[in-house]
Amino acid sequence: MDRERSIWVSNNSKQIIVVTVEYILPDTLLPEKSTNLLTININQSRFISESDVNDIYRIDKGERITLFILSKDSVETYSWEHIRKNNIILKRYEFNRKELEEMGGIINYP
């Protein structure tokens, strides 16, 4: 994956986080299924690869990506349906290719 499509997530918080990345969803909620949940430890970073985002190259066509950050504790405690229904997320980022480039491909949480 080249630099323009690279997504690094840096966890600068005091808790372990879980990340999921999707193309913009019509209802802005989490996806219906909990697929591609990526764990990032405290003070660690993780590269989001092509296998983590279905067809990352869709970003070239102007589509926006949504990146959700959740608490690992919440993911382990509640069902995905409960998390989704109650929108139990820590942060939601939405960006297109230009915005991703302007951020240097890095999402710093928090």
C-alpha atoms as a PDB file:
ATOM      1  CA  MET A   1       0.000   0.000   0.000  1.00  0.00           C
ATOM      2  CA  ASP A   2       1.441   3.376  -0.916  1.00  0.00           C
ATOM      3  CA  ARG A   3       1.716   6.388   1.360  1.00  0.00           C
ATOM      4  CA  GLU A   4      -1.437   8.117   0.045  1.00  0.00           C
ATOM      5  CA  ARG A   5      -3.540   5.175   1.189  1.00  0.00           C
ATOM      6  CA  SER A   6      -1.613   4.337   4.343  1.00  0.00           C
ATOM      7  CA  ILE A   7      -3.537   4.526   7.583  1.00  0.00           C
ATOM      8  CA  TRP A   8      -1.685   4.367  10.883  1.00  0.00           C
ATOM      9  CA  VAL A   9      -3.640   4.520  14.128  1.00  0.00           C
ATOM     10  CA  SER A  10      -1.686   5.628  17.160  1.00  0.00           C
ATOM     11  CA  ASN A  11      -3.139   4.872  20.593  1.00  0.00           C
ATOM     12  CA  ASN A  12      -2.008   7.636  22.946  1.00  0.00           C
ATOM     13  CA  SER A  13      -4.661   6.840  25.542  1.00  0.00           C
ATOM     14  CA  LYS A  14      -4.441   4.996  28.841  1.00  0.00           C
ATOM     15  CA  GLN A  15      -6.542   2.066  27.646  1.00  0.00           C
ATOM     16  CA  ILE A  16      -6.387  -0.667  25.043  1.00  0.00           C
ATOM     17  CA  ILE A  17      -8.542   0.227  22.061  1.00  0.00           C
ATOM     18  CA  VAL A  18     -10.224  -1.670  19.261  1.00  0.00           C
ATOM     19  CA  VAL A  19     -10.516  -0.178  15.781  1.00  0.00           C
ATOM     20  CA  THR A  20     -12.809  -1.011  12.895  1.00  0.00           C
ATOM     21  CA  VAL A  21     -12.704   0.691   9.502  1.00  0.00           C
ATOM     22  CA  GLU A  22     -15.548   0.858   7.002  1.00  0.00           C
ATOM     23  CA  TYR A  23     -16.605   2.913   4.041  1.00  0.00           C
ATOM     24  CA  ILE A  24     -19.108   5.576   5.001  1.00  0.00           C
ATOM     25  CA  LEU A  25     -22.235   3.980   6.321  1.00  0.00           C
ATOM     26  CA  PRO A  26     -25.621   5.502   5.508  1.00  0.00           C
ATOM     27  CA  ASP A  27     -26.800   5.613   9.110  1.00  0.00           C
ATOM     28  CA  THR A  28     -23.367   6.533  10.580  1.00  0.00           C
ATOM     29  CA  LEU A  29     -23.673   3.681  13.063  1.00  0.00           C
ATOM     30  CA  LEU A  30     -21.218   0.876  13.491  1.00  0.00           C
ATOM     31  CA  PRO A  31     -21.457  -1.887  10.890  1.00  0.00           C
ATOM     32  CA  GLU A  32     -23.994  -4.635  11.552  1.00  0.00           C
ATOM     33  CA  LYS A  33     -21.281  -7.250  12.024  1.00  0.00           C
ATOM     34  CA  SER A  34     -18.126  -6.967  14.088  1.00  0.00           C
ATOM     35  CA  THR A  35     -15.616  -7.854  11.403  1.00  0.00           C
ATOM     36  CA  ASN A  36     -12.006  -6.745  11.185  1.00  0.00           C
ATOM     37  CA  LEU A  37     -11.666  -5.606  14.784  1.00  0.00           C
ATOM     38  CA  LEU A  38      -8.066  -4.574  15.343  1.00  0.00           C
ATOM     39  CA  THR A  39      -6.619  -4.251  18.833  1.00  0.00           C
ATOM     40  CA  ILE A  40      -4.079  -1.530  19.609  1.00  0.00           C
ATOM     41  CA  ASN A  41      -2.300  -1.539  22.943  1.00  0.00           C
ATOM     42  CA  ILE A  42      -1.539   1.508  25.068  1.00  0.00           C
ATOM     43  CA  ASN A  43       1.153   3.755  23.504  1.00  0.00           C
ATOM     44  CA  GLN A  44       1.298   1.571  20.390  1.00  0.00           C
ATOM     45  CA  SER A  45       0.480   2.163  16.737  1.00  0.00           C
ATOM     46  CA  ARG A  46      -1.008  -0.149  14.159  1.00  0.00           C
ATOM     47  CA  PHE A  47      -0.931  -0.066  10.394  1.00  0.00           C
ATOM     48  CA  ILE A  48      -4.311  -0.581   8.760  1.00  0.00           C
ATOM     49  CA  SER A  49      -3.618  -2.757   5.749  1.00  0.00           C
ATOM     50  CA  GLU A  50      -5.563  -3.537   2.596  1.00  0.00           C
ATOM     51  CA  SER A  51      -6.817  -6.736   4.208  1.00  0.00           C
ATOM     52  CA  ASP A  52      -8.285  -4.683   7.075  1.00  0.00           C
ATOM     53  CA  VAL A  53     -10.293  -2.412   4.773  1.00  0.00           C
ATOM     54  CA  ASN A  54     -12.290  -4.024   2.012  1.00  0.00           C
ATOM     55  CA  ASP A  55     -10.939  -2.525  -1.231  1.00  0.00           C
ATOM     56  CA  ILE A  56      -8.949   0.402   0.180  1.00  0.00           C
ATOM     57  CA  TYR A  57      -8.623   1.729  -3.369  1.00  0.00           C
ATOM     58  CA  ARG A  58     -12.250   2.868  -3.294  1.00  0.00           C
ATOM     59  CA  ILE A  59     -10.886   5.907  -1.457  1.00  0.00           C
ATOM     60  CA  ASP A  60      -9.410   6.978  -4.819  1.00  0.00           C
ATOM     61  CA  LYS A  61     -12.934   7.257  -6.215  1.00  0.00           C
ATOM     62  CA  GLY A  62     -13.862   9.914  -3.664  1.00  0.00           C
ATOM     63  CA  GLU A  63     -15.451   7.623  -1.132  1.00  0.00           C
ATOM     64  CA  ARG A  64     -15.109   8.441   2.543  1.00  0.00           C
ATOM     65  CA  ILE A  65     -13.827   6.037   5.149  1.00  0.00           C
ATOM     66  CA  THR A  66     -15.166   5.826   8.676  1.00  0.00           C
ATOM     67  CA  LEU A  67     -12.854   4.668  11.438  1.00  0.00           C
ATOM     68  CA  PHE A  68     -14.412   3.764  14.779  1.00  0.00           C
ATOM     69  CA  ILE A  69     -12.451   3.509  18.014  1.00  0.00           C
ATOM     70  CA  LEU A  70     -13.917   1.469  20.841  1.00  0.00           C
ATOM     71  CA  SER A  71     -12.746   0.416  24.260  1.00  0.00           C
ATOM     72  CA  LYS A  72     -11.477  -3.148  24.349  1.00  0.00           C
ATOM     73  CA  ASP A  73     -13.297  -3.536  27.669  1.00  0.00           C
ATOM     74  CA  SER A  74     -16.610  -2.610  26.011  1.00  0.00           C
ATOM     75  CA  VAL A  75     -16.046  -5.074  23.174  1.00  0.00           C
ATOM     76  CA  GLU A  76     -15.309  -7.829  25.688  1.00  0.00           C
ATOM     77  CA  THR A  77     -18.220  -6.908  27.986  1.00  0.00           C
ATOM     78  CA  TYR A  78     -21.136  -6.202  25.640  1.00  0.00           C
ATOM     79  CA  SER A  79     -22.584  -7.888  22.595  1.00  0.00           C
ATOM     80  CA  TRP A  80     -21.899  -6.207  19.269  1.00  0.00           C
ATOM     81  CA  GLU A  81     -25.623  -5.571  18.888  1.00  0.00           C
ATOM     82  CA  HIS A  82     -25.669  -3.719  22.237  1.00  0.00           C
ATOM     83  CA  ILE A  83     -22.570  -1.689  21.330  1.00  0.00           C
ATOM     84  CA  ARG A  84     -24.065  -0.771  17.963  1.00  0.00           C
ATOM     85  CA  LYS A  85     -27.549   0.021  19.252  1.00  0.00           C
ATOM     86  CA  ASN A  86     -26.208   2.218  22.064  1.00  0.00           C
ATOM     87  CA  ASN A  87     -23.377   3.683  19.969  1.00  0.00           C
ATOM     88  CA  ILE A  88     -20.753   2.748  22.573  1.00  0.00           C
ATOM     89  CA  ILE A  89     -17.734   4.188  20.829  1.00  0.00           C
ATOM     90  CA  LEU A  90     -14.880   6.346  22.033  1.00  0.00           C
ATOM     91  CA  LYS A  91     -14.330   8.259  18.796  1.00  0.00           C
ATOM     92  CA  ARG A  92     -15.435   8.274  15.182  1.00  0.00           C
ATOM     93  CA  TYR A  93     -13.263   9.623  12.375  1.00  0.00           C
ATOM     94  CA  GLU A  94     -14.435  10.201   8.822  1.00  0.00           C
ATOM     95  CA  PHE A  95     -12.110  11.156   5.989  1.00  0.00           C
ATOM     96  CA  ASN A  96     -11.478  10.995   2.263  1.00  0.00           C
ATOM     97  CA  ARG A  97      -8.156  10.539   0.493  1.00  0.00           C
ATOM     98  CA  LYS A  98      -7.240  14.250   0.519  1.00  0.00           C
ATOM     99  CA  GLU A  99      -7.974  14.562   4.237  1.00  0.00           C
ATOM    100  CA  LEU A 100      -6.001  11.379   4.923  1.00  0.00           C
ATOM    101  CA  GLU A 101      -3.029  12.816   3.031  1.00  0.00           C
ATOM    102  CA  GLU A 102      -3.320  16.096   4.986  1.00  0.00           C
ATOM    103  CA  MET A 103      -3.130  14.072   8.221  1.00  0.00           C
ATOM    104  CA  GLY A 104      -0.024  12.322   6.929  1.00  0.00           C
ATOM    105  CA  GLY A 105      -1.916   9.027   7.023  1.00  0.00           C
ATOM    106  CA  ILE A 106      -1.900   9.078  10.843  1.00  0.00           C
ATOM    107  CA  ILE A 107      -4.910   8.987  13.153  1.00  0.00           C
ATOM    108  CA  ASN A 108      -3.835   9.989  16.653  1.00  0.00           C
ATOM    109  CA  TYR A 109      -6.199   8.876  19.401  1.00  0.00           C
ATOM    110  CA  PRO A 110      -7.149  10.755  21.468  1.00  0.00           C
END
